[in-house]
Amino acid sequence: MKTLYLDCSMGAAGDMLAAALLELLPDREAFLRGMNGLGIPGVEIKGEDSVKCGIHGTHFAVTVNGQEEESCDWGTDSHKHSHDHGGDGHSHSHMHDIAHIVRDHLDLPEKVKEDILAVYGLIADAESQVHGVPADQVHFHEVGSLDAVADIAAVCLLMYRLDADEVIVSPVHVGSGQVRCAHGILPVPAPATACILRDVPIYGGSIKGELCTPTGAALLKYFATRFGDMPPMRLTAAGYGMGKKDFEAANCVRALLGEREESADVVLELSCNVDDMTAEEIGFAMERLFDSGALEVYTIPLGMKKSRPGTLLCVMCRQEKREEILRTLYQNTTTIGVRETKSRRYVMRRLTEKLETPYGTVRQKKSQGYGVDRVKYEYEDLARIAREQKMSLWEVRSLLDKA
């Protein structure tokens, strides 16, 4: 499995992510020529050598009419800032302006255009919540400027080119202190950044400054398969994307590309015994457990004290879902005690493709790993066709295989 791991122990900004991913490509100059050939007005992009704390990497330098954007922290240094200061000649854009640039002027694959606009959508939604205005009326300030369009377009195109099966991101260091924005002096992380990073593991520290910008946060949130520690993998390439400022720690995002043969994660098994619930009540409890985020729910018949027939109810879930699953168990069963066991789960890589057939759209589920490839059709789609065509499931499968 092709795995991309992003180490954000010094936060993330759009230019730093672009530089780190650029270093993973075998032909970086060809990519830069392609970016400069997109025709973003007045924009020139260079990959400049940079050294931070003795580590060599790349700075993704974007200039608009010969000028590169400066950071704008309050009383401290930080990354290139991507959502604040006005009055520097850059345009303040709305979502429809961004969509016009991306859809009508950039010669990019449709998937990349969709990714760019989805990233902007995350920022627009966050700014909308923070400032209490509709998303289509949000002024993007520097995020809407041409250098930010270049940063986001570059990251989306690089992700498209690298085509990793999964993107795992470390907990994100957001920095500390204050930052000066178009709206005034704000705490770090800035409100829009904090909004985007909901449900993402973040932390602060002694480094003063904005380490994670709204652009960086939105790119991480959009592309991350999950957040967590780096998994065991066979490393094939490493890239270092450098910020402009100097800190006591290397100011960079590190991108690690590698292969791992299997997917293993730790899950919890929560179980309880019940002997005074009806089959309907147990079935309802199972539905509620799935709604609460259970990975699997199953029952086993067993004999209990006083020769009573009972049921062992087992739930598999991720560790972060423990409390919610426990609440659901106690609310929907008669148990007064739940047991917990940690298990390591090895799973095959799974993906779903949509097939257009004479009978409508059919989802095809593929599983790969450990030298095994499996393909099956989604049951609900088979059942729909079988009912409509008055056929058996076997006949429908045979028809689809020939289609």
Foldseek 3Di string as FASTA:
>chain_A
DKEKEKEAPLAFDLQQLLFFLLQQDPDSVVLQVLLVVLCLAQKHWDWDWDAAPRDIATGTFIDRVRDTAAFFFDPADEFRAAAFDDPPPFDFDFLVVLLCCLVPRGPDPPQLSVQLSQLLVLLLVLQCVVVVHHSRPDGRGRCPGSSVSSSSSSSSVSCVVSVGLAYEYEAHEQEWDWGQGNVGIATTPRSSLVSLCVVGHYDYDDGHDGSYYSSTSSSCSSRHPYYHDDDDFAWDGKHWRQGDDHDPDGNTMMMTIGDDFWDKDKKKKKKDKDQPDDPVLVVVLLVVLVVLAWPDWDKDWDADPPRGIIIMIITIHHPVSVVVNVVSCVVRGVTPDMDMDMDMDIAFRKDWDWDQDPQGIWIKIWTDGPNDIDIDTDPVVLVVSCVVVVHDSVVSVVVVVVD
